[in-house]
């Protein structure tokens, strides 16, 4: 009985662990599935706003004023607010 216990322990220690050539662990398989689920195309990384241009030729985006061309007065414009800049 004692010798069979030692043999089982040796076999358990001899099995390759995940990351060392063995089967990938559940968390590794989950990460691989999550990476595959990411869309392959481009995606917007900013927030879309559609403010109206006022009579001073300005738009207001989150309490900040930005000037735009005069010909756009009275129209709505689409802008994307990123962390460091505003894009038309």
PDB file of N, CA and C in Angstrom:
ATOM      1  N   UNK A   1       0.837  -1.182   0.000  1.00  0.00           N
ATOM      2  CA  UNK A   1       0.000   0.000   0.000  1.00  0.00           C
ATOM      3  C   UNK A   1       0.882   1.245   0.000  1.00  0.00           C
ATOM      4  N   UNK A   2       1.897   1.229   0.775  1.00  0.00           N
ATOM      5  CA  UNK A   2       2.795   2.383   0.884  1.00  0.00           C
ATOM      6  C   UNK A   2       3.512   2.648  -0.441  1.00  0.00           C
ATOM      7  N   UNK A   3       3.930   1.599  -1.119  1.00  0.00           N
ATOM      8  CA  UNK A   3       4.657   1.770  -2.374  1.00  0.00           C
ATOM      9  C   UNK A   3       3.727   2.278  -3.484  1.00  0.00           C
ATOM     10  N   UNK A   4       2.467   1.843  -3.496  1.00  0.00           N
ATOM     11  CA  UNK A   4       1.544   2.319  -4.532  1.00  0.00           C
ATOM     12  C   UNK A   4       1.243   3.813  -4.351  1.00  0.00           C
ATOM     13  N   UNK A   5       1.206   4.279  -3.124  1.00  0.00           N
ATOM     14  CA  UNK A   5       0.997   5.701  -2.871  1.00  0.00           C
ATOM     15  C   UNK A   5       2.164   6.513  -3.414  1.00  0.00           C
ATOM     16  N   UNK A   6       3.384   6.040  -3.208  1.00  0.00           N
ATOM     17  CA  UNK A   6       4.560   6.737  -3.723  1.00  0.00           C
ATOM     18  C   UNK A   6       4.556   6.767  -5.244  1.00  0.00           C
ATOM     19  N   UNK A   7       4.140   5.668  -5.870  1.00  0.00           N
ATOM     20  CA  UNK A   7       4.113   5.624  -7.336  1.00  0.00           C
ATOM     21  C   UNK A   7       3.089   6.631  -7.867  1.00  0.00           C
ATOM     22  N   UNK A   8       1.925   6.714  -7.232  1.00  0.00           N
ATOM     23  CA  UNK A   8       0.919   7.685  -7.661  1.00  0.00           C
ATOM     24  C   UNK A   8       1.446   9.112  -7.525  1.00  0.00           C
ATOM     25  N   UNK A   9       2.147   9.398  -6.439  1.00  0.00           N
ATOM     26  CA  UNK A   9       2.698  10.735  -6.252  1.00  0.00           C
ATOM     27  C   UNK A   9       3.730  11.053  -7.323  1.00  0.00           C
ATOM     28  N   UNK A  10       4.574  10.072  -7.683  1.00  0.00           N
ATOM     29  CA  UNK A  10       5.585  10.283  -8.715  1.00  0.00           C
ATOM     30  C   UNK A  10       4.901  10.579 -10.041  1.00  0.00           C
ATOM     31  N   UNK A  11       3.849   9.807 -10.378  1.00  0.00           N
ATOM     32  CA  UNK A  11       3.141  10.055 -11.630  1.00  0.00           C
ATOM     33  C   UNK A  11       2.458  11.418 -11.626  1.00  0.00           C
ATOM     34  N   UNK A  12       1.913  11.814 -10.496  1.00  0.00           N
ATOM     35  CA  UNK A  12       1.263  13.122 -10.422  1.00  0.00           C
ATOM     36  C   UNK A  12       2.293  14.226 -10.613  1.00  0.00           C
ATOM     37  N   UNK A  13       3.461  14.103 -10.030  1.00  0.00           N
ATOM     38  CA  UNK A  13       4.499  15.130 -10.169  1.00  0.00           C
ATOM     39  C   UNK A  13       5.114  15.111 -11.572  1.00  0.00           C
ATOM     40  N   UNK A  14       5.107  13.951 -12.209  1.00  0.00           N
ATOM     41  CA  UNK A  14       5.703  13.824 -13.531  1.00  0.00           C
ATOM     42  C   UNK A  14       4.795  14.385 -14.633  1.00  0.00           C
ATOM     43  N   UNK A  15       3.479  14.552 -14.352  1.00  0.00           N
ATOM     44  CA  UNK A  15       2.576  15.093 -15.369  1.00  0.00           C
ATOM     45  C   UNK A  15       2.987  16.525 -15.698  1.00  0.00           C
ATOM     46  N   UNK A  16       2.994  16.878 -16.961  1.00  0.00           N
ATOM     47  CA  UNK A  16       3.318  18.262 -17.317  1.00  0.00           C
ATOM     48  C   UNK A  16       2.215  19.211 -16.851  1.00  0.00           C
ATOM     49  N   UNK A  17       2.607  20.324 -16.320  1.00  0.00           N
ATOM     50  CA  UNK A  17       1.648  21.322 -15.870  1.00  0.00           C
ATOM     51  C   UNK A  17       1.376  22.294 -16.998  1.00  0.00           C
ATOM     52  N   UNK A  18       0.276  23.033 -16.877  1.00  0.00           N
ATOM     53  CA  UNK A  18      -0.060  23.994 -17.937  1.00  0.00           C
ATOM     54  C   UNK A  18       1.033  25.047 -18.016  1.00  0.00           C
ATOM     55  N   UNK A  19       1.365  25.454 -19.216  1.00  0.00           N
ATOM     56  CA  UNK A  19       2.430  26.418 -19.429  1.00  0.00           C
ATOM     57  C   UNK A  19       3.786  25.766 -19.589  1.00  0.00           C
ATOM     58  N   UNK A  20       3.838  24.472 -19.354  1.00  0.00           N
ATOM     59  CA  UNK A  20       5.108  23.757 -19.476  1.00  0.00           C
ATOM     60  C   UNK A  20       4.965  22.612 -20.470  1.00  0.00           C
ATOM     61  N   UNK A  21       4.209  22.821 -21.509  1.00  0.00           N
ATOM     62  CA  UNK A  21       4.056  21.800 -22.531  1.00  0.00           C
ATOM     63  C   UNK A  21       2.838  20.924 -22.344  1.00  0.00           C
ATOM     64  N   UNK A  22       2.096  21.092 -21.255  1.00  0.00           N
ATOM     65  CA  UNK A  22       0.908  20.288 -21.044  1.00  0.00           C
ATOM     66  C   UNK A  22      -0.316  20.935 -21.662  1.00  0.00           C
ATOM     67  N   UNK A  23      -1.448  20.448 -21.302  1.00  0.00           N
ATOM     68  CA  UNK A  23      -2.704  21.004 -21.774  1.00  0.00           C
ATOM     69  C   UNK A  23      -2.904  22.389 -21.200  1.00  0.00           C
ATOM     70  N   UNK A  24      -3.422  23.333 -21.953  1.00  0.00           N
ATOM     71  CA  UNK A  24      -3.638  24.662 -21.389  1.00  0.00           C
ATOM     72  C   UNK A  24      -4.711  24.633 -20.311  1.00  0.00           C
ATOM     73  N   UNK A  25      -4.561  25.477 -19.340  1.00  0.00           N
ATOM     74  CA  UNK A  25      -5.522  25.506 -18.245  1.00  0.00           C
ATOM     75  C   UNK A  25      -6.828  26.124 -18.724  1.00  0.00           C
ATOM     76  N   UNK A  26      -7.844  26.047 -17.881  1.00  0.00           N
ATOM     77  CA  UNK A  26      -9.146  26.597 -18.232  1.00  0.00           C
ATOM     78  C   UNK A  26      -9.065  28.094 -18.462  1.00  0.00           C
ATOM     79  N   UNK A  27      -8.313  28.804 -17.635  1.00  0.00           N
ATOM     80  CA  UNK A  27      -8.211  30.253 -17.797  1.00  0.00           C
ATOM     81  C   UNK A  27      -7.502  30.616 -19.098  1.00  0.00           C
ATOM     82  N   UNK A  28      -6.526  29.824 -19.520  1.00  0.00           N
ATOM     83  CA  UNK A  28      -5.841  30.080 -20.790  1.00  0.00           C
ATOM     84  C   UNK A  28      -6.790  29.869 -21.953  1.00  0.00           C
ATOM     85  N   UNK A  29      -7.587  28.811 -21.896  1.00  0.00           N
ATOM     86  CA  UNK A  29      -8.565  28.562 -22.963  1.00  0.00           C
ATOM     87  C   UNK A  29      -9.601  29.673 -22.987  1.00  0.00           C
ATOM     88  N   UNK A  30     -10.005  30.171 -21.812  1.00  0.00           N
ATOM     89  CA  UNK A  30     -10.978  31.265 -21.735  1.00  0.00           C
ATOM     90  C   UNK A  30     -10.401  32.528 -22.363  1.00  0.00           C
ATOM     91  N   UNK A  31      -9.124  32.834 -22.083  1.00  0.00           N
ATOM     92  CA  UNK A  31      -8.489  34.016 -22.671  1.00  0.00           C
ATOM     93  C   UNK A  31      -8.415  33.891 -24.184  1.00  0.00           C
ATOM     94  N   UNK A  32      -8.109  32.725 -24.682  1.00  0.00           N
ATOM     95  CA  UNK A  32      -8.033  32.524 -26.124  1.00  0.00           C
ATOM     96  C   UNK A  32      -9.396  32.734 -26.766  1.00  0.00           C
ATOM     97  N   UNK A  33     -10.467  32.303 -26.118  1.00  0.00           N
ATOM     98  CA  UNK A  33     -11.812  32.525 -26.636  1.00  0.00           C
ATOM     99  C   UNK A  33     -12.148  34.001 -26.616  1.00  0.00           C
ATOM    100  N   UNK A  34     -11.760  34.699 -25.565  1.00  0.00           N
ATOM    101  CA  UNK A  34     -12.044  36.135 -25.470  1.00  0.00           C
ATOM    102  C   UNK A  34     -11.296  36.912 -26.538  1.00  0.00           C
ATOM    103  N   UNK A  35     -10.086  36.524 -26.853  1.00  0.00           N
ATOM    104  CA  UNK A  35      -9.321  37.207 -27.893  1.00  0.00           C
ATOM    105  C   UNK A  35      -9.949  36.961 -29.253  1.00  0.00           C
ATOM    106  N   UNK A  36     -10.430  35.762 -29.500  1.00  0.00           N
ATOM    107  CA  UNK A  36     -11.080  35.457 -30.767  1.00  0.00           C
ATOM    108  C   UNK A  36     -12.382  36.241 -30.930  1.00  0.00           C
ATOM    109  N   UNK A  37     -13.022  36.613 -29.830  1.00  0.00           N
ATOM    110  CA  UNK A  37     -14.299  37.314 -29.897  1.00  0.00           C
ATOM    111  C   UNK A  37     -14.138  38.789 -30.252  1.00  0.00           C
ATOM    112  N   UNK A  38     -12.937  39.350 -30.216  1.00  0.00           N
ATOM    113  CA  UNK A  38     -12.723  40.760 -30.539  1.00  0.00           C
ATOM    114  C   UNK A  38     -12.922  40.958 -32.037  1.00  0.00           C
ATOM    115  N   UNK A  39     -13.722  41.964 -32.440  1.00  0.00           N
ATOM    116  CA  UNK A  39     -13.947  42.171 -33.866  1.00  0.00           C
ATOM    117  C   UNK A  39     -12.670  42.553 -34.591  1.00  0.00           C
ATOM    118  N   UNK A  40     -12.543  42.119 -35.838  1.00  0.00           N
ATOM    119  CA  UNK A  40     -11.326  42.334 -36.616  1.00  0.00           C
ATOM    120  C   UNK A  40     -11.255  43.726 -37.239  1.00  0.00           C
ATOM    121  N   UNK A  41     -12.366  44.399 -37.418  1.00  0.00           N
ATOM    122  CA  UNK A  41     -12.377  45.715 -38.057  1.00  0.00           C
ATOM    123  C   UNK A  41     -11.985  46.831 -37.102  1.00  0.00           C
ATOM    124  N   UNK A  42     -12.075  48.050 -37.590  1.00  0.00           N
ATOM    125  CA  UNK A  42     -11.787  49.198 -36.737  1.00  0.00           C
ATOM    126  C   UNK A  42     -13.039  49.562 -35.938  1.00  0.00           C
ATOM    127  N   UNK A  43     -12.864  50.243 -34.844  1.00  0.00           N
ATOM    128  CA  UNK A  43     -13.983  50.676 -34.045  1.00  0.00           C
ATOM    129  C   UNK A  43     -13.689  52.067 -33.499  1.00  0.00           C
ATOM    130  N   UNK A  44     -14.727  52.787 -33.188  1.00  0.00           N
ATOM    131  CA  UNK A  44     -14.560  54.144 -32.684  1.00  0.00           C
ATOM    132  C   UNK A  44     -14.086  54.100 -31.239  1.00  0.00           C
ATOM    133  N   UNK A  45     -13.123  54.941 -30.936  1.00  0.00           N
ATOM    134  CA  UNK A  45     -12.615  54.990 -29.573  1.00  0.00           C
ATOM    135  C   UNK A  45     -12.952  56.316 -28.917  1.00  0.00           C
ATOM    136  N   UNK A  46     -13.884  57.054 -29.486  1.00  0.00           N
ATOM    137  CA  UNK A  46     -14.313  58.324 -28.921  1.00  0.00           C
ATOM    138  C   UNK A  46     -15.818  58.339 -28.748  1.00  0.00           C
ATOM    139  N   UNK A  47     -16.336  59.477 -28.290  1.00  0.00           N
ATOM    140  CA  UNK A  47     -17.772  59.607 -28.064  1.00  0.00           C
ATOM    141  C   UNK A  47     -18.360  60.544 -29.103  1.00  0.00           C
ATOM    142  N   UNK A  48     -19.457  60.147 -29.708  1.00  0.00           N
ATOM    143  CA  UNK A  48     -20.086  60.919 -30.773  1.00  0.00           C
ATOM    144  C   UNK A  48     -21.037  61.959 -30.190  1.00  0.00           C
ATOM    145  N   UNK A  49     -20.941  63.214 -30.668  1.00  0.00           N
ATOM    146  CA  UNK A  49     -21.853  64.296 -30.298  1.00  0.00           C
ATOM    147  C   UNK A  49     -22.394  64.927 -31.575  1.00  0.00           C
ATOM    148  N   UNK A  50     -23.613  65.476 -31.515  1.00  0.00           N
ATOM    149  CA  UNK A  50     -24.184  66.211 -32.646  1.00  0.00           C
ATOM    150  C   UNK A  50     -24.721  67.558 -32.158  1.00  0.00           C
ATOM    151  N   UNK A  51     -23.827  68.489 -31.825  1.00  0.00           N
ATOM    152  CA  UNK A  51     -24.284  69.796 -31.344  1.00  0.00           C
ATOM    153  C   UNK A  51     -24.719  70.699 -32.500  1.00  0.00           C
ATOM    154  N   UNK A  52     -25.535  71.705 -32.178  1.00  0.00           N
ATOM    155  CA  UNK A  52     -25.969  72.690 -33.158  1.00  0.00           C
ATOM    156  C   UNK A  52     -25.015  73.878 -33.111  1.00  0.00           C
ATOM    157  N   UNK A  53     -24.692  74.414 -34.287  1.00  0.00           N
ATOM    158  CA  UNK A  53     -23.804  75.577 -34.379  1.00  0.00           C
ATOM    159  C   UNK A  53     -24.629  76.817 -34.036  1.00  0.00           C
ATOM    160  N   UNK A  54     -24.175  77.598 -33.034  1.00  0.00           N
ATOM    161  CA  UNK A  54     -24.924  78.793 -32.628  1.00  0.00           C
ATOM    162  C   UNK A  54     -24.608  79.987 -33.533  1.00  0.00           C
ATOM    163  N   UNK A  55     -25.222  81.134 -33.233  1.00  0.00           N
ATOM    164  CA  UNK A  55     -25.047  82.311 -34.085  1.00  0.00           C
ATOM    165  C   UNK A  55     -23.672  82.962 -33.937  1.00  0.00           C
ATOM    166  N   UNK A  56     -22.851  82.495 -33.011  1.00  0.00           N
ATOM    167  CA  UNK A  56     -21.461  82.954 -32.894  1.00  0.00           C
ATOM    168  C   UNK A  56     -20.503  82.019 -33.642  1.00  0.00           C
ATOM    169  N   UNK A  57     -21.046  81.057 -34.381  1.00  0.00           N
ATOM    170  CA  UNK A  57     -20.277  80.070 -35.130  1.00  0.00           C
ATOM    171  C   UNK A  57     -19.452  79.177 -34.200  1.00  0.00           C
ATOM    172  N   UNK A  58     -20.092  78.757 -33.108  1.00  0.00           N
ATOM    173  CA  UNK A  58     -19.436  77.893 -32.129  1.00  0.00           C
ATOM    174  C   UNK A  58     -20.327  76.715 -31.781  1.00  0.00           C
ATOM    175  N   UNK A  59     -19.702  75.629 -31.360  1.00  0.00           N
ATOM    176  CA  UNK A  59     -20.430  74.483 -30.818  1.00  0.00           C
ATOM    177  C   UNK A  59     -19.977  74.263 -29.382  1.00  0.00           C
ATOM    178  N   UNK A  60     -20.847  73.663 -28.587  1.00  0.00           N
ATOM    179  CA  UNK A  60     -20.521  73.367 -27.188  1.00  0.00           C
ATOM    180  C   UNK A  60     -20.506  71.848 -27.025  1.00  0.00           C
ATOM    181  N   UNK A  61     -19.356  71.319 -26.590  1.00  0.00           N
ATOM    182  CA  UNK A  61     -19.203  69.888 -26.329  1.00  0.00           C
ATOM    183  C   UNK A  61     -18.669  69.739 -24.920  1.00  0.00           C
ATOM    184  N   UNK A  62     -19.538  69.235 -24.036  1.00  0.00           N
ATOM    185  CA  UNK A  62     -19.162  69.035 -22.629  1.00  0.00           C
ATOM    186  C   UNK A  62     -18.568  70.292 -22.005  1.00  0.00           C
ATOM    187  N   UNK A  63     -19.276  71.332 -22.039  1.00  0.00           N
ATOM    188  CA  UNK A  63     -18.947  72.649 -21.450  1.00  0.00           C
ATOM    189  C   UNK A  63     -17.761  73.354 -22.116  1.00  0.00           C
ATOM    190  N   UNK A  64     -17.239  72.838 -23.202  1.00  0.00           N
ATOM    191  CA  UNK A  64     -16.155  73.509 -23.929  1.00  0.00           C
ATOM    192  C   UNK A  64     -16.704  74.036 -25.244  1.00  0.00           C
ATOM    193  N   UNK A  65     -16.231  75.220 -25.632  1.00  0.00           N
ATOM    194  CA  UNK A  65     -16.681  75.836 -26.884  1.00  0.00           C
ATOM    195  C   UNK A  65     -15.606  75.692 -27.947  1.00  0.00           C
ATOM    196  N   UNK A  66     -16.051  75.340 -29.148  1.00  0.00           N
ATOM    197  CA  UNK A  66     -15.156  75.196 -30.294  1.00  0.00           C
ATOM    198  C   UNK A  66     -15.734  76.001 -31.442  1.00  0.00           C
ATOM    199  N   UNK A  67     -14.876  76.716 -32.169  1.00  0.00           N
ATOM    200  CA  UNK A  67     -15.352  77.480 -33.314  1.00  0.00           C
ATOM    201  C   UNK A  67     -15.374  76.590 -34.555  1.00  0.00           C
ATOM    202  N   UNK A  68     -16.350  76.864 -35.428  1.00  0.00           N
ATOM    203  CA  UNK A  68     -16.524  76.119 -36.677  1.00  0.00           C
ATOM    204  C   UNK A  68     -16.723  77.131 -37.804  1.00  0.00           C
ATOM    205  N   UNK A  69     -16.684  76.714 -39.062  1.00  0.00           N
ATOM    206  CA  UNK A  69     -16.892  77.651 -40.169  1.00  0.00           C
ATOM    207  C   UNK A  69     -18.266  78.341 -40.106  1.00  0.00           C
ATOM    208  N   UNK A  70     -18.314  79.595 -40.548  1.00  0.00           N
ATOM    209  CA  UNK A  70     -19.536  80.413 -40.480  1.00  0.00           C
ATOM    210  C   UNK A  70     -20.669  79.791 -41.299  1.00  0.00           C
ATOM    211  N   UNK A  71     -20.363  79.150 -42.398  1.00  0.00           N
ATOM    212  CA  UNK A  71     -21.389  78.583 -43.264  1.00  0.00           C
ATOM    213  C   UNK A  71     -22.224  77.505 -42.572  1.00  0.00           C
ATOM    214  N   UNK A  72     -21.785  77.017 -41.404  1.00  0.00           N
ATOM    215  CA  UNK A  72     -22.504  75.966 -40.682  1.00  0.00           C
ATOM    216  C   UNK A  72     -23.468  76.497 -39.626  1.00  0.00           C
ATOM    217  N   UNK A  73     -23.596  77.826 -39.489  1.00  0.00           N
ATOM    218  CA  UNK A  73     -24.480  78.406 -38.468  1.00  0.00           C
ATOM    219  C   UNK A  73     -25.901  77.874 -38.650  1.00  0.00           C
ATOM    220  N   UNK A  74     -26.495  77.413 -37.563  1.00  0.00           N
ATOM    221  CA  UNK A  74     -27.855  76.879 -37.564  1.00  0.00           C
ATOM    222  C   UNK A  74     -27.936  75.390 -37.869  1.00  0.00           C
ATOM    223  N   UNK A  75     -26.882  74.771 -38.342  1.00  0.00           N
ATOM    224  CA  UNK A  75     -26.885  73.341 -38.667  1.00  0.00           C
ATOM    225  C   UNK A  75     -26.355  72.510 -37.506  1.00  0.00           C
ATOM    226  N   UNK A  76     -26.661  71.225 -37.554  1.00  0.00           N
ATOM    227  CA  UNK A  76     -26.076  70.279 -36.602  1.00  0.00           C
ATOM    228  C   UNK A  76     -24.836  69.678 -37.246  1.00  0.00           C
ATOM    229  N   UNK A  77     -23.793  69.489 -36.455  1.00  0.00           N
ATOM    230  CA  UNK A  77     -22.565  68.869 -36.944  1.00  0.00           C
ATOM    231  C   UNK A  77     -22.278  67.626 -36.106  1.00  0.00           C
ATOM    232  N   UNK A  78     -21.644  66.645 -36.725  1.00  0.00           N
ATOM    233  CA  UNK A  78     -21.254  65.424 -36.014  1.00  0.00           C
ATOM    234  C   UNK A  78     -19.776  65.520 -35.671  1.00  0.00           C
ATOM    235  N   UNK A  79     -19.444  65.377 -34.396  1.00  0.00           N
ATOM    236  CA  UNK A  79     -18.056  65.399 -33.944  1.00  0.00           C
ATOM    237  C   UNK A  79     -17.813  64.225 -33.023  1.00  0.00           C
ATOM    238  N   UNK A  80     -16.584  63.738 -33.010  1.00  0.00           N
ATOM    239  CA  UNK A  80     -16.196  62.645 -32.125  1.00  0.00           C
ATOM    240  C   UNK A  80     -15.167  63.180 -31.146  1.00  0.00           C
ATOM    241  N   UNK A  81     -15.474  63.092 -29.872  1.00  0.00           N
ATOM    242  CA  UNK A  81     -14.589  63.579 -28.816  1.00  0.00           C
ATOM    243  C   UNK A  81     -13.687  62.444 -28.357  1.00  0.00           C
ATOM    244  N   UNK A  82     -12.381  62.599 -28.547  1.00  0.00           N
ATOM    245  CA  UNK A  82     -11.396  61.636 -28.069  1.00  0.00           C
ATOM    246  C   UNK A  82     -10.787  62.177 -26.778  1.00  0.00           C
ATOM    247  N   UNK A  83      -9.879  61.445 -26.191  1.00  0.00           N
ATOM    248  CA  UNK A  83      -9.265  61.867 -24.938  1.00  0.00           C
ATOM    249  C   UNK A  83      -8.455  63.150 -25.104  1.00  0.00           C
ATOM    250  N   UNK A  84      -7.825  63.353 -26.265  1.00  0.00           N
ATOM    251  CA  UNK A  84      -6.946  64.499 -26.429  1.00  0.00           C
ATOM    252  C   UNK A  84      -7.354  65.445 -27.549  1.00  0.00           C
ATOM    253  N   UNK A  85      -8.352  65.110 -28.351  1.00  0.00           N
ATOM    254  CA  UNK A  85      -8.745  65.981 -29.457  1.00  0.00           C
ATOM    255  C   UNK A  85     -10.199  65.751 -29.868  1.00  0.00           C
ATOM    256  N   UNK A  86     -10.700  66.695 -30.673  1.00  0.00           N
ATOM    257  CA  UNK A  86     -12.057  66.634 -31.222  1.00  0.00           C
ATOM    258  C   UNK A  86     -11.923  66.449 -32.717  1.00  0.00           C
ATOM    259  N   UNK A  87     -12.650  65.476 -33.293  1.00  0.00           N
ATOM    260  CA  UNK A  87     -12.531  65.187 -34.716  1.00  0.00           C
ATOM    261  C   UNK A  87     -13.900  65.362 -35.378  1.00  0.00           C
ATOM    262  N   UNK A  88     -13.927  66.021 -36.551  1.00  0.00           N
ATOM    263  CA  UNK A  88     -15.219  66.201 -37.258  1.00  0.00           C
ATOM    264  C   UNK A  88     -15.729  64.890 -37.817  1.00  0.00           C
TER     265      UNK A  88
END
